[in-house]
Amino acid sequence: MTNLLDRTRAEDPEALLREREARNAALRHIIDAWDEALLSGVHPEQMASAMLYAAITEMVGAHGEEAVAEMVASLPERIRRGEYTLYEQRH
């Protein structure tokens, strides 16, 4: 899958800023929904699984199975590099 942010960055720095602002707004909505679900008794692992499913199905709808499969195949290395580590791991 072509990285949409890289393509936007090359074309228009202002478009990149708008994209980041939109992504941050979306993330705030997701965090609000996450918090609400936790308060209603949904376990964090259940929320994570449901959100991954929703995100992947949306990406497949937008970009197709092959492009998303390629993107997902890159996740192990990105995870190992710490791209998704926001805090210390709980054991």
PDB file of N, CA and C in Angstrom:
ATOM      1  N   MET A   1       0.853  -1.171   0.000  1.00  0.00           N
ATOM      2  CA  MET A   1       0.000   0.000   0.000  1.00  0.00           C
ATOM      3  C   MET A   1       0.889   1.221   0.000  1.00  0.00           C
ATOM      4  N   THR A   2       0.635   2.143  -0.853  1.00  0.00           N
ATOM      5  CA  THR A   2       1.376   3.390  -0.869  1.00  0.00           C
ATOM      6  C   THR A   2       1.052   4.152   0.400  1.00  0.00           C
ATOM      7  N   ASN A   3       2.078   4.671   1.052  1.00  0.00           N
ATOM      8  CA  ASN A   3       1.857   5.455   2.251  1.00  0.00           C
ATOM      9  C   ASN A   3       1.223   6.775   1.852  1.00  0.00           C
ATOM     10  N   LEU A   4      -0.026   6.964   2.253  1.00  0.00           N
ATOM     11  CA  LEU A   4      -0.763   8.152   1.844  1.00  0.00           C
ATOM     12  C   LEU A   4      -0.155   9.412   2.431  1.00  0.00           C
ATOM     13  N   LEU A   5       0.395   9.325   3.640  1.00  0.00           N
ATOM     14  CA  LEU A   5       1.014  10.503   4.229  1.00  0.00           C
ATOM     15  C   LEU A   5       2.273  10.901   3.471  1.00  0.00           C
ATOM     16  N   ASP A   6       3.081   9.936   3.049  1.00  0.00           N
ATOM     17  CA  ASP A   6       4.278  10.264   2.286  1.00  0.00           C
ATOM     18  C   ASP A   6       3.917  10.961   0.986  1.00  0.00           C
ATOM     19  N   ARG A   7       2.878  10.459   0.324  1.00  0.00           N
ATOM     20  CA  ARG A   7       2.446  11.062  -0.932  1.00  0.00           C
ATOM     21  C   ARG A   7       1.942  12.482  -0.679  1.00  0.00           C
ATOM     22  N   THR A   8       1.176  12.683   0.392  1.00  0.00           N
ATOM     23  CA  THR A   8       0.662  14.012   0.720  1.00  0.00           C
ATOM     24  C   THR A   8       1.804  14.957   1.072  1.00  0.00           C
ATOM     25  N   ARG A   9       2.770  14.483   1.845  1.00  0.00           N
ATOM     26  CA  ARG A   9       3.904  15.305   2.267  1.00  0.00           C
ATOM     27  C   ARG A   9       4.649  15.841   1.045  1.00  0.00           C
ATOM     28  N   ALA A  10       4.848  14.984   0.079  1.00  0.00           N
ATOM     29  CA  ALA A  10       5.581  15.390  -1.124  1.00  0.00           C
ATOM     30  C   ALA A  10       4.788  16.406  -1.923  1.00  0.00           C
ATOM     31  N   GLU A  11       3.470  16.331  -1.865  1.00  0.00           N
ATOM     32  CA  GLU A  11       2.641  17.200  -2.687  1.00  0.00           C
ATOM     33  C   GLU A  11       2.338  18.538  -2.025  1.00  0.00           C
ATOM     34  N   ASP A  12       2.088  18.535  -0.719  1.00  0.00           N
ATOM     35  CA  ASP A  12       1.596  19.760  -0.085  1.00  0.00           C
ATOM     36  C   ASP A  12       1.769  19.677   1.427  1.00  0.00           C
ATOM     37  N   PRO A  13       2.715  20.428   1.999  1.00  0.00           N
ATOM     38  CA  PRO A  13       2.915  20.398   3.452  1.00  0.00           C
ATOM     39  C   PRO A  13       1.662  20.804   4.242  1.00  0.00           C
ATOM     40  N   GLU A  14       0.872  21.719   3.702  1.00  0.00           N
ATOM     41  CA  GLU A  14      -0.358  22.125   4.383  1.00  0.00           C
ATOM     42  C   GLU A  14      -1.365  20.979   4.405  1.00  0.00           C
ATOM     43  N   ALA A  15      -1.398  20.191   3.347  1.00  0.00           N
ATOM     44  CA  ALA A  15      -2.285  19.027   3.318  1.00  0.00           C
ATOM     45  C   ALA A  15      -1.847  18.016   4.371  1.00  0.00           C
ATOM     46  N   LEU A  16      -0.553  17.871   4.563  1.00  0.00           N
ATOM     47  CA  LEU A  16      -0.039  16.978   5.598  1.00  0.00           C
ATOM     48  C   LEU A  16      -0.492  17.450   6.972  1.00  0.00           C
ATOM     49  N   LEU A  17      -0.406  18.740   7.233  1.00  0.00           N
ATOM     50  CA  LEU A  17      -0.858  19.278   8.507  1.00  0.00           C
ATOM     51  C   LEU A  17      -2.346  19.014   8.713  1.00  0.00           C
ATOM     52  N   ARG A  18      -3.153  19.248   7.688  1.00  0.00           N
ATOM     53  CA  ARG A  18      -4.590  18.973   7.795  1.00  0.00           C
ATOM     54  C   ARG A  18      -4.845  17.495   8.064  1.00  0.00           C
ATOM     55  N   GLU A  19      -4.081  16.613   7.400  1.00  0.00           N
ATOM     56  CA  GLU A  19      -4.226  15.173   7.603  1.00  0.00           C
ATOM     57  C   GLU A  19      -3.891  14.796   9.043  1.00  0.00           C
ATOM     58  N   ARG A  20      -2.816  15.353   9.568  1.00  0.00           N
ATOM     59  CA  ARG A  20      -2.442  15.065  10.963  1.00  0.00           C
ATOM     60  C   ARG A  20      -3.502  15.562  11.933  1.00  0.00           C
ATOM     61  N   GLU A  21      -4.031  16.754  11.690  1.00  0.00           N
ATOM     62  CA  GLU A  21      -5.079  17.292  12.555  1.00  0.00           C
ATOM     63  C   GLU A  21      -6.321  16.414  12.515  1.00  0.00           C
ATOM     64  N   ALA A  22      -6.691  15.944  11.323  1.00  0.00           N
ATOM     65  CA  ALA A  22      -7.854  15.065  11.194  1.00  0.00           C
ATOM     66  C   ALA A  22      -7.602  13.738  11.903  1.00  0.00           C
ATOM     67  N   ARG A  23      -6.381  13.206  11.763  1.00  0.00           N
ATOM     68  CA  ARG A  23      -6.053  11.946  12.433  1.00  0.00           C
ATOM     69  C   ARG A  23      -6.079  12.124  13.953  1.00  0.00           C
ATOM     70  N   ASN A  24      -5.575  13.248  14.453  1.00  0.00           N
ATOM     71  CA  ASN A  24      -5.599  13.499  15.893  1.00  0.00           C
ATOM     72  C   ASN A  24      -7.028  13.621  16.402  1.00  0.00           C
ATOM     73  N   ALA A  25      -7.894  14.266  15.631  1.00  0.00           N
ATOM     74  CA  ALA A  25      -9.304  14.369  16.024  1.00  0.00           C
ATOM     75  C   ALA A  25      -9.939  12.986  16.061  1.00  0.00           C
ATOM     76  N   ALA A  26      -9.650  12.163  15.059  1.00  0.00           N
ATOM     77  CA  ALA A  26     -10.191  10.802  15.036  1.00  0.00           C
ATOM     78  C   ALA A  26      -9.690  10.010  16.235  1.00  0.00           C
ATOM     79  N   LEU A  27      -8.415  10.158  16.564  1.00  0.00           N
ATOM     80  CA  LEU A  27      -7.856   9.449  17.706  1.00  0.00           C
ATOM     81  C   LEU A  27      -8.528   9.877  19.004  1.00  0.00           C
ATOM     82  N   ARG A  28      -8.815  11.163  19.143  1.00  0.00           N
ATOM     83  CA  ARG A  28      -9.528  11.622  20.349  1.00  0.00           C
ATOM     84  C   ARG A  28     -10.901  10.951  20.460  1.00  0.00           C
ATOM     85  N   HIS A  29     -11.603  10.793  19.339  1.00  0.00           N
ATOM     86  CA  HIS A  29     -12.909  10.118  19.358  1.00  0.00           C
ATOM     87  C   HIS A  29     -12.759   8.646  19.761  1.00  0.00           C
ATOM     88  N   ILE A  30     -11.729   8.010  19.233  1.00  0.00           N
ATOM     89  CA  ILE A  30     -11.497   6.603  19.567  1.00  0.00           C
ATOM     90  C   ILE A  30     -11.169   6.454  21.048  1.00  0.00           C
ATOM     91  N   ILE A  31     -10.337   7.328  21.573  1.00  0.00           N
ATOM     92  CA  ILE A  31      -9.994   7.268  22.999  1.00  0.00           C
ATOM     93  C   ILE A  31     -11.228   7.488  23.856  1.00  0.00           C
ATOM     94  N   ASP A  32     -12.090   8.418  23.460  1.00  0.00           N
ATOM     95  CA  ASP A  32     -13.338   8.634  24.200  1.00  0.00           C
ATOM     96  C   ASP A  32     -14.207   7.382  24.190  1.00  0.00           C
ATOM     97  N   ALA A  33     -14.330   6.750  23.024  1.00  0.00           N
ATOM     98  CA  ALA A  33     -15.129   5.521  22.922  1.00  0.00           C
ATOM     99  C   ALA A  33     -14.500   4.408  23.758  1.00  0.00           C
ATOM    100  N   TRP A  34     -13.180   4.317  23.717  1.00  0.00           N
ATOM    101  CA  TRP A  34     -12.455   3.315  24.505  1.00  0.00           C
ATOM    102  C   TRP A  34     -12.763   3.510  25.993  1.00  0.00           C
ATOM    103  N   ASP A  35     -12.622   4.736  26.470  1.00  0.00           N
ATOM    104  CA  ASP A  35     -12.869   5.024  27.890  1.00  0.00           C
ATOM    105  C   ASP A  35     -14.306   4.694  28.281  1.00  0.00           C
ATOM    106  N   GLU A  36     -15.244   5.047  27.422  1.00  0.00           N
ATOM    107  CA  GLU A  36     -16.651   4.758  27.697  1.00  0.00           C
ATOM    108  C   GLU A  36     -16.892   3.250  27.779  1.00  0.00           C
ATOM    109  N   ALA A  37     -16.295   2.504  26.871  1.00  0.00           N
ATOM    110  CA  ALA A  37     -16.452   1.045  26.889  1.00  0.00           C
ATOM    111  C   ALA A  37     -15.853   0.443  28.153  1.00  0.00           C
ATOM    112  N   LEU A  38     -14.680   0.914  28.558  1.00  0.00           N
ATOM    113  CA  LEU A  38     -14.066   0.400  29.778  1.00  0.00           C
ATOM    114  C   LEU A  38     -14.940   0.686  30.993  1.00  0.00           C
ATOM    115  N   LEU A  39     -15.518   1.878  31.031  1.00  0.00           N
ATOM    116  CA  LEU A  39     -16.399   2.221  32.147  1.00  0.00           C
ATOM    117  C   LEU A  39     -17.650   1.346  32.183  1.00  0.00           C
ATOM    118  N   SER A  40     -18.057   0.843  31.027  1.00  0.00           N
ATOM    119  CA  SER A  40     -19.251  -0.011  30.980  1.00  0.00           C
ATOM    120  C   SER A  40     -18.908  -1.488  31.201  1.00  0.00           C
ATOM    121  N   GLY A  41     -17.616  -1.791  31.426  1.00  0.00           N
ATOM    122  CA  GLY A  41     -17.236  -3.149  31.766  1.00  0.00           C
ATOM    123  C   GLY A  41     -16.568  -3.957  30.666  1.00  0.00           C
ATOM    124  N   VAL A  42     -16.335  -3.371  29.512  1.00  0.00           N
ATOM    125  CA  VAL A  42     -15.648  -4.079  28.438  1.00  0.00           C
ATOM    126  C   VAL A  42     -14.163  -4.143  28.797  1.00  0.00           C
ATOM    127  N   HIS A  43     -13.557  -5.311  28.634  1.00  0.00           N
ATOM    128  CA  HIS A  43     -12.143  -5.484  28.941  1.00  0.00           C
ATOM    129  C   HIS A  43     -11.279  -4.856  27.848  1.00  0.00           C
ATOM    130  N   PRO A  44     -10.115  -4.305  28.219  1.00  0.00           N
ATOM    131  CA  PRO A  44      -9.244  -3.658  27.228  1.00  0.00           C
ATOM    132  C   PRO A  44      -8.884  -4.568  26.055  1.00  0.00           C
ATOM    133  N   GLU A  45      -8.632  -5.853  26.322  1.00  0.00           N
ATOM    134  CA  GLU A  45      -8.275  -6.769  25.240  1.00  0.00           C
ATOM    135  C   GLU A  45      -9.432  -6.949  24.262  1.00  0.00           C
ATOM    136  N   GLN A  46     -10.671  -6.946  24.776  1.00  0.00           N
ATOM    137  CA  GLN A  46     -11.843  -7.052  23.910  1.00  0.00           C
ATOM    138  C   GLN A  46     -11.978  -5.805  23.039  1.00  0.00           C
ATOM    139  N   MET A  47     -11.744  -4.643  23.630  1.00  0.00           N
ATOM    140  CA  MET A  47     -11.808  -3.403  22.850  1.00  0.00           C
ATOM    141  C   MET A  47     -10.729  -3.397  21.777  1.00  0.00           C
ATOM    142  N   ALA A  48      -9.522  -3.793  22.144  1.00  0.00           N
ATOM    143  CA  ALA A  48      -8.421  -3.795  21.174  1.00  0.00           C
ATOM    144  C   ALA A  48      -8.744  -4.713  20.003  1.00  0.00           C
ATOM    145  N   SER A  49      -9.257  -5.891  20.299  1.00  0.00           N
ATOM    146  CA  SER A  49      -9.594  -6.840  19.240  1.00  0.00           C
ATOM    147  C   SER A  49     -10.690  -6.279  18.337  1.00  0.00           C
ATOM    148  N   ALA A  50     -11.724  -5.703  18.925  1.00  0.00           N
ATOM    149  CA  ALA A  50     -12.824  -5.139  18.136  1.00  0.00           C
ATOM    150  C   ALA A  50     -12.361  -3.960  17.291  1.00  0.00           C
ATOM    151  N   MET A  51     -11.504  -3.114  17.855  1.00  0.00           N
ATOM    152  CA  MET A  51     -11.024  -1.954  17.104  1.00  0.00           C
ATOM    153  C   MET A  51     -10.096  -2.370  15.965  1.00  0.00           C
ATOM    154  N   LEU A  52      -9.258  -3.381  16.209  1.00  0.00           N
ATOM    155  CA  LEU A  52      -8.412  -3.884  15.119  1.00  0.00           C
ATOM    156  C   LEU A  52      -9.264  -4.433  13.985  1.00  0.00           C
ATOM    157  N   TYR A  53     -10.280  -5.207  14.340  1.00  0.00           N
ATOM    158  CA  TYR A  53     -11.174  -5.767  13.330  1.00  0.00           C
ATOM    159  C   TYR A  53     -11.833  -4.635  12.528  1.00  0.00           C
ATOM    160  N   ALA A  54     -12.368  -3.652  13.234  1.00  0.00           N
ATOM    161  CA  ALA A  54     -13.037  -2.541  12.563  1.00  0.00           C
ATOM    162  C   ALA A  54     -12.065  -1.778  11.671  1.00  0.00           C
ATOM    163  N   ALA A  55     -10.859  -1.534  12.163  1.00  0.00           N
ATOM    164  CA  ALA A  55      -9.875  -0.790  11.384  1.00  0.00           C
ATOM    165  C   ALA A  55      -9.453  -1.555  10.136  1.00  0.00           C
ATOM    166  N   ILE A  56      -9.184  -2.838  10.287  1.00  0.00           N
ATOM    167  CA  ILE A  56      -8.736  -3.626   9.132  1.00  0.00           C
ATOM    168  C   ILE A  56      -9.839  -3.753   8.090  1.00  0.00           C
ATOM    169  N   THR A  57     -11.080  -3.998   8.535  1.00  0.00           N
ATOM    170  CA  THR A  57     -12.165  -4.111   7.548  1.00  0.00           C
ATOM    171  C   THR A  57     -12.369  -2.791   6.817  1.00  0.00           C
ATOM    172  N   GLU A  58     -12.218  -1.668   7.504  1.00  0.00           N
ATOM    173  CA  GLU A  58     -12.350  -0.361   6.854  1.00  0.00           C
ATOM    174  C   GLU A  58     -11.222  -0.143   5.846  1.00  0.00           C
ATOM    175  N   MET A  59      -9.999  -0.500   6.230  1.00  0.00           N
ATOM    176  CA  MET A  59      -8.855  -0.354   5.320  1.00  0.00           C
ATOM    177  C   MET A  59      -9.013  -1.252   4.093  1.00  0.00           C
ATOM    178  N   VAL A  60      -9.478  -2.477   4.277  1.00  0.00           N
ATOM    179  CA  VAL A  60      -9.700  -3.380   3.143  1.00  0.00           C
ATOM    180  C   VAL A  60     -10.737  -2.772   2.196  1.00  0.00           C
ATOM    181  N   GLY A  61     -11.792  -2.212   2.767  1.00  0.00           N
ATOM    182  CA  GLY A  61     -12.807  -1.576   1.933  1.00  0.00           C
ATOM    183  C   GLY A  61     -12.256  -0.402   1.140  1.00  0.00           C
ATOM    184  N   ALA A  62     -11.323   0.328   1.733  1.00  0.00           N
ATOM    185  CA  ALA A  62     -10.772   1.509   1.070  1.00  0.00           C
ATOM    186  C   ALA A  62      -9.633   1.188   0.108  1.00  0.00           C
ATOM    187  N   HIS A  63      -8.801   0.167   0.440  1.00  0.00           N
ATOM    188  CA  HIS A  63      -7.577  -0.065  -0.321  1.00  0.00           C
ATOM    189  C   HIS A  63      -7.460  -1.457  -0.938  1.00  0.00           C
ATOM    190  N   GLY A  64      -8.330  -2.377  -0.537  1.00  0.00           N
ATOM    191  CA  GLY A  64      -8.286  -3.738  -1.072  1.00  0.00           C
ATOM    192  C   GLY A  64      -7.467  -4.685  -0.209  1.00  0.00           C
ATOM    193  N   GLU A  65      -7.755  -5.977  -0.391  1.00  0.00           N
ATOM    194  CA  GLU A  65      -7.134  -7.003   0.442  1.00  0.00           C
ATOM    195  C   GLU A  65      -5.619  -7.043   0.311  1.00  0.00           C
ATOM    196  N   GLU A  66      -5.106  -7.023  -0.915  1.00  0.00           N
ATOM    197  CA  GLU A  66      -3.662  -7.178  -1.110  1.00  0.00           C
ATOM    198  C   GLU A  66      -2.877  -6.031  -0.487  1.00  0.00           C
ATOM    199  N   ALA A  67      -3.323  -4.811  -0.698  1.00  0.00           N
ATOM    200  CA  ALA A  67      -2.619  -3.653  -0.138  1.00  0.00           C
ATOM    201  C   ALA A  67      -2.601  -3.705   1.385  1.00  0.00           C
ATOM    202  N   VAL A  68      -3.713  -4.084   1.971  1.00  0.00           N
ATOM    203  CA  VAL A  68      -3.785  -4.156   3.438  1.00  0.00           C
ATOM    204  C   VAL A  68      -2.964  -5.325   3.952  1.00  0.00           C
ATOM    205  N   ALA A  69      -2.963  -6.452   3.244  1.00  0.00           N
ATOM    206  CA  ALA A  69      -2.139  -7.593   3.644  1.00  0.00           C
ATOM    207  C   ALA A  69      -0.673  -7.198   3.659  1.00  0.00           C
ATOM    208  N   GLU A  70      -0.223  -6.428   2.670  1.00  0.00           N
ATOM    209  CA  GLU A  70       1.168  -5.959   2.637  1.00  0.00           C
ATOM    210  C   GLU A  70       1.458  -5.041   3.813  1.00  0.00           C
ATOM    211  N   MET A  71       0.526  -4.139   4.120  1.00  0.00           N
ATOM    212  CA  MET A  71       0.710  -3.226   5.242  1.00  0.00           C
ATOM    213  C   MET A  71       0.787  -4.008   6.556  1.00  0.00           C
ATOM    214  N   VAL A  72      -0.106  -4.966   6.723  1.00  0.00           N
ATOM    215  CA  VAL A  72      -0.129  -5.756   7.960  1.00  0.00           C
ATOM    216  C   VAL A  72       1.139  -6.607   8.073  1.00  0.00           C
ATOM    217  N   ALA A  73       1.664  -7.074   6.953  1.00  0.00           N
ATOM    218  CA  ALA A  73       2.888  -7.876   6.972  1.00  0.00           C
ATOM    219  C   ALA A  73       4.071  -7.078   7.502  1.00  0.00           C
ATOM    220  N   SER A  74       4.025  -5.754   7.403  1.00  0.00           N
ATOM    221  CA  SER A  74       5.129  -4.921   7.900  1.00  0.00           C
ATOM    222  C   SER A  74       5.011  -4.638   9.396  1.00  0.00           C
ATOM    223  N   LEU A  75       3.909  -5.020  10.006  1.00  0.00           N
ATOM    224  CA  LEU A  75       3.699  -4.676  11.408  1.00  0.00           C
ATOM    225  C   LEU A  75       4.692  -5.317  12.377  1.00  0.00           C
ATOM    226  N   PRO A  76       5.066  -6.597  12.226  1.00  0.00           N
ATOM    227  CA  PRO A  76       5.983  -7.165  13.219  1.00  0.00           C
ATOM    228  C   PRO A  76       7.259  -6.343  13.408  1.00  0.00           C
ATOM    229  N   GLU A  77       7.890  -5.936  12.324  1.00  0.00           N
ATOM    230  CA  GLU A  77       9.118  -5.150  12.449  1.00  0.00           C
ATOM    231  C   GLU A  77       8.840  -3.776  13.042  1.00  0.00           C
ATOM    232  N   ARG A  78       7.759  -3.168  12.655  1.00  0.00           N
ATOM    233  CA  ARG A  78       7.404  -1.851  13.193  1.00  0.00           C
ATOM    234  C   ARG A  78       7.113  -1.946  14.687  1.00  0.00           C
ATOM    235  N   ILE A  79       6.455  -3.007  15.105  1.00  0.00           N
ATOM    236  CA  ILE A  79       6.186  -3.219  16.531  1.00  0.00           C
ATOM    237  C   ILE A  79       7.500  -3.400  17.279  1.00  0.00           C
ATOM    238  N   ARG A  80       8.384  -4.223  16.723  1.00  0.00           N
ATOM    239  CA  ARG A  80       9.689  -4.451  17.366  1.00  0.00           C
ATOM    240  C   ARG A  80      10.511  -3.172  17.472  1.00  0.00           C
ATOM    241  N   ARG A  81      10.367  -2.261  16.512  1.00  0.00           N
ATOM    242  CA  ARG A  81      11.094  -0.987  16.551  1.00  0.00           C
ATOM    243  C   ARG A  81      10.495  -0.018  17.558  1.00  0.00           C
ATOM    244  N   GLY A  82       9.338  -0.348  18.113  1.00  0.00           N
ATOM    245  CA  GLY A  82       8.728   0.500  19.129  1.00  0.00           C
ATOM    246  C   GLY A  82       7.741   1.527  18.617  1.00  0.00           C
ATOM    247  N   GLU A  83       7.340   1.440  17.343  1.00  0.00           N
ATOM    248  CA  GLU A  83       6.404   2.432  16.802  1.00  0.00           C
ATOM    249  C   GLU A  83       5.075   2.458  17.539  1.00  0.00           C
ATOM    250  N   TYR A  84       4.708   1.360  18.172  1.00  0.00           N
ATOM    251  CA  TYR A  84       3.413   1.272  18.838  1.00  0.00           C
ATOM    252  C   TYR A  84       3.549   1.192  20.350  1.00  0.00           C
ATOM    253  N   THR A  85       4.720   1.472  20.876  1.00  0.00           N
ATOM    254  CA  THR A  85       4.939   1.419  22.314  1.00  0.00           C
ATOM    255  C   THR A  85       4.748   2.816  22.891  1.00  0.00           C
ATOM    256  N   LEU A  86       3.680   2.986  23.660  1.00  0.00           N
ATOM    257  CA  LEU A  86       3.387   4.280  24.265  1.00  0.00           C
ATOM    258  C   LEU A  86       3.786   4.320  25.733  1.00  0.00           C
ATOM    259  N   TYR A  87       3.913   3.160  26.340  1.00  0.00           N
ATOM    260  CA  TYR A  87       4.230   3.077  27.760  1.00  0.00           C
ATOM    261  C   TYR A  87       4.905   1.760  28.029  1.00  0.00           C
ATOM    262  N   GLU A  88       5.438   1.603  29.223  1.00  0.00           N
ATOM    263  CA  GLU A  88       6.102   0.340  29.587  1.00  0.00           C
ATOM    264  C   GLU A  88       5.098  -0.792  29.572  1.00  0.00           C
ATOM    265  N   GLN A  89       5.571  -1.949  29.137  1.00  0.00           N
ATOM    266  CA  GLN A  89       4.720  -3.147  29.083  1.00  0.00           C
ATOM    267  C   GLN A  89       4.307  -3.589  30.466  1.00  0.00           C
ATOM    268  N   ARG A  90       3.078  -4.060  30.559  1.00  0.00           N
ATOM    269  CA  ARG A  90       2.583  -4.664  31.807  1.00  0.00           C
ATOM    270  C   ARG A  90       2.820  -6.159  31.723  1.00  0.00           C
ATOM    271  N   HIS A  91       3.289  -6.749  32.799  1.00  0.00           N
ATOM    272  CA  HIS A  91       3.509  -8.203  32.826  1.00  0.00           C
ATOM    273  C   HIS A  91       2.629  -8.831  33.869  1.00  0.00           C
TER     274      HIS A  91
END
